[in-house]
């Protein structure tokens, strides 16, 4: 345990360090990997859009349903068996 603690790059634990690490990782991806990531994000966005249309997203405090990609709806919790609560 202490051996792992000694090997931690603490510069990555800040917001700025984390962002730099993410950029380094993204720059190392191939075009195929980048396109796969974009497709995966699009799949998630489509699923969220379907869930919003079905009323599975609920707003936080006050207001009605939100629309668009910047909506503040809550993500429904999913049980380990895959069923939503």
PDB file of N, CA and C in Angstrom:
ATOM      1  N   UNK A   1       0.823  -1.192   0.000  1.00  0.00           N
ATOM      2  CA  UNK A   1       0.000   0.000   0.000  1.00  0.00           C
ATOM      3  C   UNK A   1       0.862   1.249   0.000  1.00  0.00           C
ATOM      4  N   UNK A   2       1.829   1.339   0.898  1.00  0.00           N
ATOM      5  CA  UNK A   2       2.675   2.526   0.944  1.00  0.00           C
ATOM      6  C   UNK A   2       3.531   2.629  -0.304  1.00  0.00           C
ATOM      7  N   UNK A   3       3.833   1.482  -0.941  1.00  0.00           N
ATOM      8  CA  UNK A   3       4.604   1.510  -2.183  1.00  0.00           C
ATOM      9  C   UNK A   3       3.808   2.217  -3.278  1.00  0.00           C
ATOM     10  N   UNK A   4       2.493   1.951  -3.364  1.00  0.00           N
ATOM     11  CA  UNK A   4       1.641   2.630  -4.336  1.00  0.00           C
ATOM     12  C   UNK A   4       1.538   4.117  -4.034  1.00  0.00           C
ATOM     13  N   UNK A   5       1.482   4.467  -2.772  1.00  0.00           N
ATOM     14  CA  UNK A   5       1.370   5.862  -2.367  1.00  0.00           C
ATOM     15  C   UNK A   5       2.617   6.640  -2.771  1.00  0.00           C
ATOM     16  N   UNK A   6       3.758   6.000  -2.722  1.00  0.00           N
ATOM     17  CA  UNK A   6       5.006   6.664  -3.084  1.00  0.00           C
ATOM     18  C   UNK A   6       5.103   6.911  -4.584  1.00  0.00           C
ATOM     19  N   UNK A   7       4.389   6.138  -5.396  1.00  0.00           N
ATOM     20  CA  UNK A   7       4.467   6.244  -6.846  1.00  0.00           C
ATOM     21  C   UNK A   7       3.398   7.143  -7.451  1.00  0.00           C
ATOM     22  N   UNK A   8       2.615   7.838  -6.644  1.00  0.00           N
ATOM     23  CA  UNK A   8       1.541   8.697  -7.147  1.00  0.00           C
ATOM     24  C   UNK A   8       2.142   9.971  -7.721  1.00  0.00           C
ATOM     25  N   UNK A   9       1.707  10.323  -8.938  1.00  0.00           N
ATOM     26  CA  UNK A   9       2.101  11.598  -9.538  1.00  0.00           C
ATOM     27  C   UNK A   9       1.088  12.644  -9.067  1.00  0.00           C
ATOM     28  N   UNK A  10       1.424  13.345  -8.000  1.00  0.00           N
ATOM     29  CA  UNK A  10       0.483  14.274  -7.379  1.00  0.00           C
ATOM     30  C   UNK A  10       0.141  15.462  -8.273  1.00  0.00           C
ATOM     31  N   UNK A  11       0.949  15.730  -9.306  1.00  0.00           N
ATOM     32  CA  UNK A  11       0.626  16.831 -10.212  1.00  0.00           C
ATOM     33  C   UNK A  11      -0.651  16.540 -10.997  1.00  0.00           C
ATOM     34  N   UNK A  12      -1.029  15.262 -11.103  1.00  0.00           N
ATOM     35  CA  UNK A  12      -2.243  14.895 -11.830  1.00  0.00           C
ATOM     36  C   UNK A  12      -3.494  14.998 -10.972  1.00  0.00           C
ATOM     37  N   UNK A  13      -3.339  15.292  -9.710  1.00  0.00           N
ATOM     38  CA  UNK A  13      -4.491  15.338  -8.807  1.00  0.00           C
ATOM     39  C   UNK A  13      -5.135  16.715  -8.747  1.00  0.00           C
ATOM     40  N   UNK A  14      -4.593  17.699  -9.459  1.00  0.00           N
ATOM     41  CA  UNK A  14      -5.216  19.021  -9.526  1.00  0.00           C
ATOM     42  C   UNK A  14      -6.087  19.093 -10.762  1.00  0.00           C
ATOM     43  N   UNK A  15      -6.961  20.091 -10.835  1.00  0.00           N
ATOM     44  CA  UNK A  15      -7.807  20.264 -12.016  1.00  0.00           C
ATOM     45  C   UNK A  15      -6.936  20.459 -13.252  1.00  0.00           C
ATOM     46  N   UNK A  16      -5.934  21.317 -13.119  1.00  0.00           N
ATOM     47  CA  UNK A  16      -5.060  21.601 -14.258  1.00  0.00           C
ATOM     48  C   UNK A  16      -4.253  20.366 -14.666  1.00  0.00           C
ATOM     49  N   UNK A  17      -3.726  19.652 -13.695  1.00  0.00           N
ATOM     50  CA  UNK A  17      -2.954  18.449 -13.988  1.00  0.00           C
ATOM     51  C   UNK A  17      -3.805  17.370 -14.623  1.00  0.00           C
ATOM     52  N   UNK A  18      -5.028  17.230 -14.149  1.00  0.00           N
ATOM     53  CA  UNK A  18      -5.943  16.247 -14.717  1.00  0.00           C
ATOM     54  C   UNK A  18      -6.274  16.602 -16.161  1.00  0.00           C
ATOM     55  N   UNK A  19      -6.508  17.874 -16.403  1.00  0.00           N
ATOM     56  CA  UNK A  19      -6.825  18.324 -17.760  1.00  0.00           C
ATOM     57  C   UNK A  19      -5.651  18.047 -18.700  1.00  0.00           C
ATOM     58  N   UNK A  20      -4.435  18.332 -18.261  1.00  0.00           N
ATOM     59  CA  UNK A  20      -3.252  18.070 -19.089  1.00  0.00           C
ATOM     60  C   UNK A  20      -3.124  16.581 -19.395  1.00  0.00           C
ATOM     61  N   UNK A  21      -3.388  15.740 -18.389  1.00  0.00           N
ATOM     62  CA  UNK A  21      -3.313  14.295 -18.595  1.00  0.00           C
ATOM     63  C   UNK A  21      -4.370  13.837 -19.595  1.00  0.00           C
ATOM     64  N   UNK A  22      -5.579  14.407 -19.526  1.00  0.00           N
ATOM     65  CA  UNK A  22      -6.635  14.064 -20.474  1.00  0.00           C
ATOM     66  C   UNK A  22      -6.236  14.459 -21.892  1.00  0.00           C
ATOM     67  N   UNK A  23      -5.642  15.632 -22.036  1.00  0.00           N
ATOM     68  CA  UNK A  23      -5.210  16.079 -23.362  1.00  0.00           C
ATOM     69  C   UNK A  23      -4.112  15.180 -23.912  1.00  0.00           C
ATOM     70  N   UNK A  24      -3.162  14.799 -23.072  1.00  0.00           N
ATOM     71  CA  UNK A  24      -2.099  13.893 -23.521  1.00  0.00           C
ATOM     72  C   UNK A  24      -2.695  12.565 -23.984  1.00  0.00           C
ATOM     73  N   UNK A  25      -3.656  12.065 -23.237  1.00  0.00           N
ATOM     74  CA  UNK A  25      -4.307  10.807 -23.598  1.00  0.00           C
ATOM     75  C   UNK A  25      -5.053  10.948 -24.923  1.00  0.00           C
ATOM     76  N   UNK A  26      -5.814  12.042 -25.090  1.00  0.00           N
ATOM     77  CA  UNK A  26      -6.588  12.258 -26.308  1.00  0.00           C
ATOM     78  C   UNK A  26      -5.677  12.409 -27.526  1.00  0.00           C
ATOM     79  N   UNK A  27      -4.553  13.066 -27.349  1.00  0.00           N
ATOM     80  CA  UNK A  27      -3.627  13.254 -28.473  1.00  0.00           C
ATOM     81  C   UNK A  27      -2.957  11.951 -28.886  1.00  0.00           C
ATOM     82  N   UNK A  28      -2.911  10.983 -27.994  1.00  0.00           N
ATOM     83  CA  UNK A  28      -2.281   9.698 -28.299  1.00  0.00           C
ATOM     84  C   UNK A  28      -3.230   8.745 -29.017  1.00  0.00           C
ATOM     85  N   UNK A  29      -4.531   9.076 -29.089  1.00  0.00           N
ATOM     86  CA  UNK A  29      -5.500   8.197 -29.729  1.00  0.00           C
ATOM     87  C   UNK A  29      -5.352   8.237 -31.250  1.00  0.00           C
ATOM     88  N   UNK A  30      -5.605   7.119 -31.874  1.00  0.00           N
ATOM     89  CA  UNK A  30      -5.634   7.066 -33.333  1.00  0.00           C
ATOM     90  C   UNK A  30      -6.947   7.677 -33.809  1.00  0.00           C
ATOM     91  N   UNK A  31      -7.017   7.951 -35.110  1.00  0.00           N
ATOM     92  CA  UNK A  31      -8.256   8.497 -35.673  1.00  0.00           C
ATOM     93  C   UNK A  31      -9.413   7.521 -35.466  1.00  0.00           C
ATOM     94  N   UNK A  32      -9.160   6.233 -35.641  1.00  0.00           N
ATOM     95  CA  UNK A  32     -10.192   5.221 -35.444  1.00  0.00           C
ATOM     96  C   UNK A  32     -10.706   5.248 -33.995  1.00  0.00           C
ATOM     97  N   UNK A  33      -9.790   5.379 -33.026  1.00  0.00           N
ATOM     98  CA  UNK A  33     -10.193   5.419 -31.611  1.00  0.00           C
ATOM     99  C   UNK A  33     -10.984   6.689 -31.306  1.00  0.00           C
ATOM    100  N   UNK A  34     -10.584   7.801 -31.897  1.00  0.00           N
ATOM    101  CA  UNK A  34     -11.312   9.064 -31.687  1.00  0.00           C
ATOM    102  C   UNK A  34     -12.723   8.971 -32.249  1.00  0.00           C
ATOM    103  N   UNK A  35     -12.841   8.406 -33.448  1.00  0.00           N
ATOM    104  CA  UNK A  35     -14.167   8.268 -34.061  1.00  0.00           C
ATOM    105  C   UNK A  35     -15.038   7.321 -33.239  1.00  0.00           C
ATOM    106  N   UNK A  36     -14.445   6.275 -32.700  1.00  0.00           N
ATOM    107  CA  UNK A  36     -15.197   5.367 -31.835  1.00  0.00           C
ATOM    108  C   UNK A  36     -15.705   6.066 -30.585  1.00  0.00           C
ATOM    109  N   UNK A  37     -14.863   6.944 -30.026  1.00  0.00           N
ATOM    110  CA  UNK A  37     -15.277   7.689 -28.835  1.00  0.00           C
ATOM    111  C   UNK A  37     -16.430   8.633 -29.160  1.00  0.00           C
ATOM    112  N   UNK A  38     -16.352   9.310 -30.294  1.00  0.00           N
ATOM    113  CA  UNK A  38     -17.430  10.217 -30.705  1.00  0.00           C
ATOM    114  C   UNK A  38     -18.728   9.441 -30.920  1.00  0.00           C
ATOM    115  N   UNK A  39     -18.634   8.278 -31.551  1.00  0.00           N
ATOM    116  CA  UNK A  39     -19.829   7.453 -31.757  1.00  0.00           C
ATOM    117  C   UNK A  39     -20.426   7.005 -30.425  1.00  0.00           C
ATOM    118  N   UNK A  40     -19.572   6.653 -29.478  1.00  0.00           N
ATOM    119  CA  UNK A  40     -20.059   6.249 -28.163  1.00  0.00           C
ATOM    120  C   UNK A  40     -20.775   7.376 -27.445  1.00  0.00           C
ATOM    121  N   UNK A  41     -20.218   8.573 -27.529  1.00  0.00           N
ATOM    122  CA  UNK A  41     -20.848   9.737 -26.903  1.00  0.00           C
ATOM    123  C   UNK A  41     -22.188  10.032 -27.579  1.00  0.00           C
ATOM    124  N   UNK A  42     -22.237   9.889 -28.900  1.00  0.00           N
ATOM    125  CA  UNK A  42     -23.497  10.113 -29.622  1.00  0.00           C
ATOM    126  C   UNK A  42     -24.549   9.090 -29.198  1.00  0.00           C
ATOM    127  N   UNK A  43     -24.131   7.839 -28.984  1.00  0.00           N
ATOM    128  CA  UNK A  43     -25.069   6.808 -28.510  1.00  0.00           C
ATOM    129  C   UNK A  43     -25.657   7.188 -27.156  1.00  0.00           C
ATOM    130  N   UNK A  44     -24.814   7.671 -26.262  1.00  0.00           N
ATOM    131  CA  UNK A  44     -25.284   8.081 -24.931  1.00  0.00           C
ATOM    132  C   UNK A  44     -26.240   9.261 -25.060  1.00  0.00           C
ATOM    133  N   UNK A  45     -25.899  10.233 -25.908  1.00  0.00           N
ATOM    134  CA  UNK A  45     -26.777  11.395 -26.094  1.00  0.00           C
ATOM    135  C   UNK A  45     -28.135  10.975 -26.636  1.00  0.00           C
ATOM    136  N   UNK A  46     -28.131  10.045 -27.598  1.00  0.00           N
ATOM    137  CA  UNK A  46     -29.415   9.550 -28.133  1.00  0.00           C
ATOM    138  C   UNK A  46     -30.228   8.846 -27.054  1.00  0.00           C
ATOM    139  N   UNK A  47     -29.568   8.058 -26.233  1.00  0.00           N
ATOM    140  CA  UNK A  47     -30.274   7.347 -25.157  1.00  0.00           C
ATOM    141  C   UNK A  47     -30.869   8.332 -24.155  1.00  0.00           C
ATOM    142  N   UNK A  48     -30.104   9.363 -23.805  1.00  0.00           N
ATOM    143  CA  UNK A  48     -30.629  10.377 -22.893  1.00  0.00           C
ATOM    144  C   UNK A  48     -31.820  11.106 -23.518  1.00  0.00           C
ATOM    145  N   UNK A  49     -31.756  11.354 -24.828  1.00  0.00           N
ATOM    146  CA  UNK A  49     -32.863  12.003 -25.505  1.00  0.00           C
ATOM    147  C   UNK A  49     -34.118  11.125 -25.442  1.00  0.00           C
ATOM    148  N   UNK A  50     -33.951   9.821 -25.668  1.00  0.00           N
ATOM    149  CA  UNK A  50     -35.080   8.887 -25.566  1.00  0.00           C
ATOM    150  C   UNK A  50     -35.649   8.886 -24.149  1.00  0.00           C
ATOM    151  N   UNK A  51     -34.770   8.851 -23.162  1.00  0.00           N
ATOM    152  CA  UNK A  51     -35.223   8.815 -21.778  1.00  0.00           C
ATOM    153  C   UNK A  51     -35.959  10.099 -21.416  1.00  0.00           C
ATOM    154  N   UNK A  52     -35.476  11.227 -21.918  1.00  0.00           N
ATOM    155  CA  UNK A  52     -36.145  12.497 -21.642  1.00  0.00           C
ATOM    156  C   UNK A  52     -37.532  12.484 -22.266  1.00  0.00           C
ATOM    157  N   UNK A  53     -37.655  11.968 -23.500  1.00  0.00           N
ATOM    158  CA  UNK A  53     -38.952  11.907 -24.180  1.00  0.00           C
ATOM    159  C   UNK A  53     -39.924  10.992 -23.440  1.00  0.00           C
ATOM    160  N   UNK A  54     -39.414   9.962 -22.777  1.00  0.00           N
ATOM    161  CA  UNK A  54     -40.245   9.028 -22.025  1.00  0.00           C
ATOM    162  C   UNK A  54     -40.531   9.517 -20.608  1.00  0.00           C
ATOM    163  N   UNK A  55     -39.974  10.669 -20.243  1.00  0.00           N
ATOM    164  CA  UNK A  55     -40.204  11.226 -18.915  1.00  0.00           C
ATOM    165  C   UNK A  55     -39.379  10.570 -17.826  1.00  0.00           C
ATOM    166  N   UNK A  56     -38.288   9.921 -18.191  1.00  0.00           N
ATOM    167  CA  UNK A  56     -37.462   9.249 -17.186  1.00  0.00           C
ATOM    168  C   UNK A  56     -36.476  10.187 -16.513  1.00  0.00           C
ATOM    169  N   UNK A  57     -36.301  11.391 -17.066  1.00  0.00           N
ATOM    170  CA  UNK A  57     -35.466  12.396 -16.409  1.00  0.00           C
ATOM    171  C   UNK A  57     -36.380  13.307 -15.626  1.00  0.00           C
ATOM    172  N   UNK A  58     -36.035  13.564 -14.404  1.00  0.00           N
ATOM    173  CA  UNK A  58     -36.797  14.476 -13.569  1.00  0.00           C
ATOM    174  C   UNK A  58     -35.915  15.675 -13.264  1.00  0.00           C
ATOM    175  N   UNK A  59     -36.550  16.850 -13.180  1.00  0.00           N
ATOM    176  CA  UNK A  59     -35.772  18.040 -12.858  1.00  0.00           C
ATOM    177  C   UNK A  59     -35.465  18.064 -11.374  1.00  0.00           C
ATOM    178  N   UNK A  60     -34.489  18.872 -11.026  1.00  0.00           N
ATOM    179  CA  UNK A  60     -34.102  19.036  -9.624  1.00  0.00           C
ATOM    180  C   UNK A  60     -35.156  19.839  -8.891  1.00  0.00           C
ATOM    181  N   UNK A  61     -34.785  20.989  -8.367  1.00  0.00           N
ATOM    182  CA  UNK A  61     -35.729  21.811  -7.611  1.00  0.00           C
ATOM    183  C   UNK A  61     -36.390  22.822  -8.529  1.00  0.00           C
ATOM    184  N   UNK A  62     -37.714  22.854  -8.491  1.00  0.00           N
ATOM    185  CA  UNK A  62     -38.484  23.834  -9.241  1.00  0.00           C
ATOM    186  C   UNK A  62     -38.418  23.635 -10.737  1.00  0.00           C
ATOM    187  N   UNK A  63     -39.136  24.480 -11.471  1.00  0.00           N
ATOM    188  CA  UNK A  63     -39.105  24.443 -12.923  1.00  0.00           C
ATOM    189  C   UNK A  63     -39.754  23.201 -13.484  1.00  0.00           C
ATOM    190  N   UNK A  64     -39.844  23.158 -14.782  1.00  0.00           N
ATOM    191  CA  UNK A  64     -40.417  22.003 -15.451  1.00  0.00           C
ATOM    192  C   UNK A  64     -39.314  21.184 -16.080  1.00  0.00           C
ATOM    193  N   UNK A  65     -39.687  20.391 -17.063  1.00  0.00           N
ATOM    194  CA  UNK A  65     -38.705  19.588 -17.783  1.00  0.00           C
ATOM    195  C   UNK A  65     -37.774  20.511 -18.549  1.00  0.00           C
ATOM    196  N   UNK A  66     -36.536  20.115 -18.652  1.00  0.00           N
ATOM    197  CA  UNK A  66     -35.576  20.887 -19.425  1.00  0.00           C
ATOM    198  C   UNK A  66     -35.382  20.206 -20.760  1.00  0.00           C
ATOM    199  N   UNK A  67     -34.946  20.953 -21.734  1.00  0.00           N
ATOM    200  CA  UNK A  67     -34.709  20.356 -23.046  1.00  0.00           C
ATOM    201  C   UNK A  67     -33.329  20.737 -23.523  1.00  0.00           C
ATOM    202  N   UNK A  68     -32.838  20.024 -24.532  1.00  0.00           N
ATOM    203  CA  UNK A  68     -31.525  20.303 -25.087  1.00  0.00           C
ATOM    204  C   UNK A  68     -30.440  19.551 -24.357  1.00  0.00           C
ATOM    205  N   UNK A  69     -29.228  19.596 -24.925  1.00  0.00           N
ATOM    206  CA  UNK A  69     -28.105  18.842 -24.378  1.00  0.00           C
ATOM    207  C   UNK A  69     -27.631  19.401 -23.049  1.00  0.00           C
ATOM    208  N   UNK A  70     -27.955  20.671 -22.758  1.00  0.00           N
ATOM    209  CA  UNK A  70     -27.465  21.261 -21.521  1.00  0.00           C
ATOM    210  C   UNK A  70     -28.492  21.183 -20.405  1.00  0.00           C
ATOM    211  N   UNK A  71     -29.483  20.329 -20.537  1.00  0.00           N
ATOM    212  CA  UNK A  71     -30.526  20.195 -19.520  1.00  0.00           C
ATOM    213  C   UNK A  71     -29.953  19.746 -18.196  1.00  0.00           C
ATOM    214  N   UNK A  72     -30.632  20.123 -17.134  1.00  0.00           N
ATOM    215  CA  UNK A  72     -30.141  19.812 -15.794  1.00  0.00           C
ATOM    216  C   UNK A  72     -30.895  18.648 -15.182  1.00  0.00           C
ATOM    217  N   UNK A  73     -31.413  17.749 -16.000  1.00  0.00           N
ATOM    218  CA  UNK A  73     -32.166  16.609 -15.485  1.00  0.00           C
ATOM    219  C   UNK A  73     -31.277  15.648 -14.737  1.00  0.00           C
ATOM    220  N   UNK A  74     -31.861  14.938 -13.799  1.00  0.00           N
ATOM    221  CA  UNK A  74     -31.107  13.963 -13.029  1.00  0.00           C
ATOM    222  C   UNK A  74     -31.039  12.648 -13.789  1.00  0.00           C
ATOM    223  N   UNK A  75     -29.950  11.954 -13.652  1.00  0.00           N
ATOM    224  CA  UNK A  75     -29.811  10.643 -14.269  1.00  0.00           C
ATOM    225  C   UNK A  75     -30.464   9.625 -13.345  1.00  0.00           C
ATOM    226  N   UNK A  76     -31.387   8.819 -13.860  1.00  0.00           N
ATOM    227  CA  UNK A  76     -32.035   7.834 -12.995  1.00  0.00           C
ATOM    228  C   UNK A  76     -31.026   6.809 -12.504  1.00  0.00           C
ATOM    229  N   UNK A  77     -31.206   6.362 -11.272  1.00  0.00           N
ATOM    230  CA  UNK A  77     -30.296   5.356 -10.743  1.00  0.00           C
ATOM    231  C   UNK A  77     -30.665   3.989 -11.307  1.00  0.00           C
ATOM    232  N   UNK A  78     -29.654   3.175 -11.524  1.00  0.00           N
ATOM    233  CA  UNK A  78     -29.863   1.846 -12.084  1.00  0.00           C
ATOM    234  C   UNK A  78     -29.349   0.830 -11.093  1.00  0.00           C
ATOM    235  N   UNK A  79     -30.166  -0.172 -10.798  1.00  0.00           N
ATOM    236  CA  UNK A  79     -29.766  -1.220  -9.867  1.00  0.00           C
ATOM    237  C   UNK A  79     -28.789  -2.160 -10.553  1.00  0.00           C
ATOM    238  N   UNK A  80     -28.099  -2.970  -9.775  1.00  0.00           N
ATOM    239  CA  UNK A  80     -27.098  -3.869 -10.331  1.00  0.00           C
ATOM    240  C   UNK A  80     -27.690  -4.873 -11.315  1.00  0.00           C
ATOM    241  N   UNK A  81     -29.010  -5.130 -11.226  1.00  0.00           N
ATOM    242  CA  UNK A  81     -29.631  -6.046 -12.175  1.00  0.00           C
ATOM    243  C   UNK A  81     -30.064  -5.343 -13.460  1.00  0.00           C
ATOM    244  N   UNK A  82     -29.769  -4.048 -13.562  1.00  0.00           N
ATOM    245  CA  UNK A  82     -30.080  -3.287 -14.779  1.00  0.00           C
ATOM    246  C   UNK A  82     -31.414  -2.582 -14.753  1.00  0.00           C
ATOM    247  N   UNK A  83     -32.231  -2.798 -13.729  1.00  0.00           N
ATOM    248  CA  UNK A  83     -33.535  -2.153 -13.644  1.00  0.00           C
ATOM    249  C   UNK A  83     -33.387  -0.770 -13.046  1.00  0.00           C
ATOM    250  N   UNK A  84     -34.211   0.152 -13.544  1.00  0.00           N
ATOM    251  CA  UNK A  84     -34.183   1.507 -12.995  1.00  0.00           C
ATOM    252  C   UNK A  84     -35.028   1.589 -11.756  1.00  0.00           C
ATOM    253  N   UNK A  85     -34.651   2.466 -10.890  1.00  0.00           N
ATOM    254  CA  UNK A  85     -35.426   2.705  -9.661  1.00  0.00           C
ATOM    255  C   UNK A  85     -36.364   3.847  -9.860  1.00  0.00           C
TER     256      UNK A  85
END
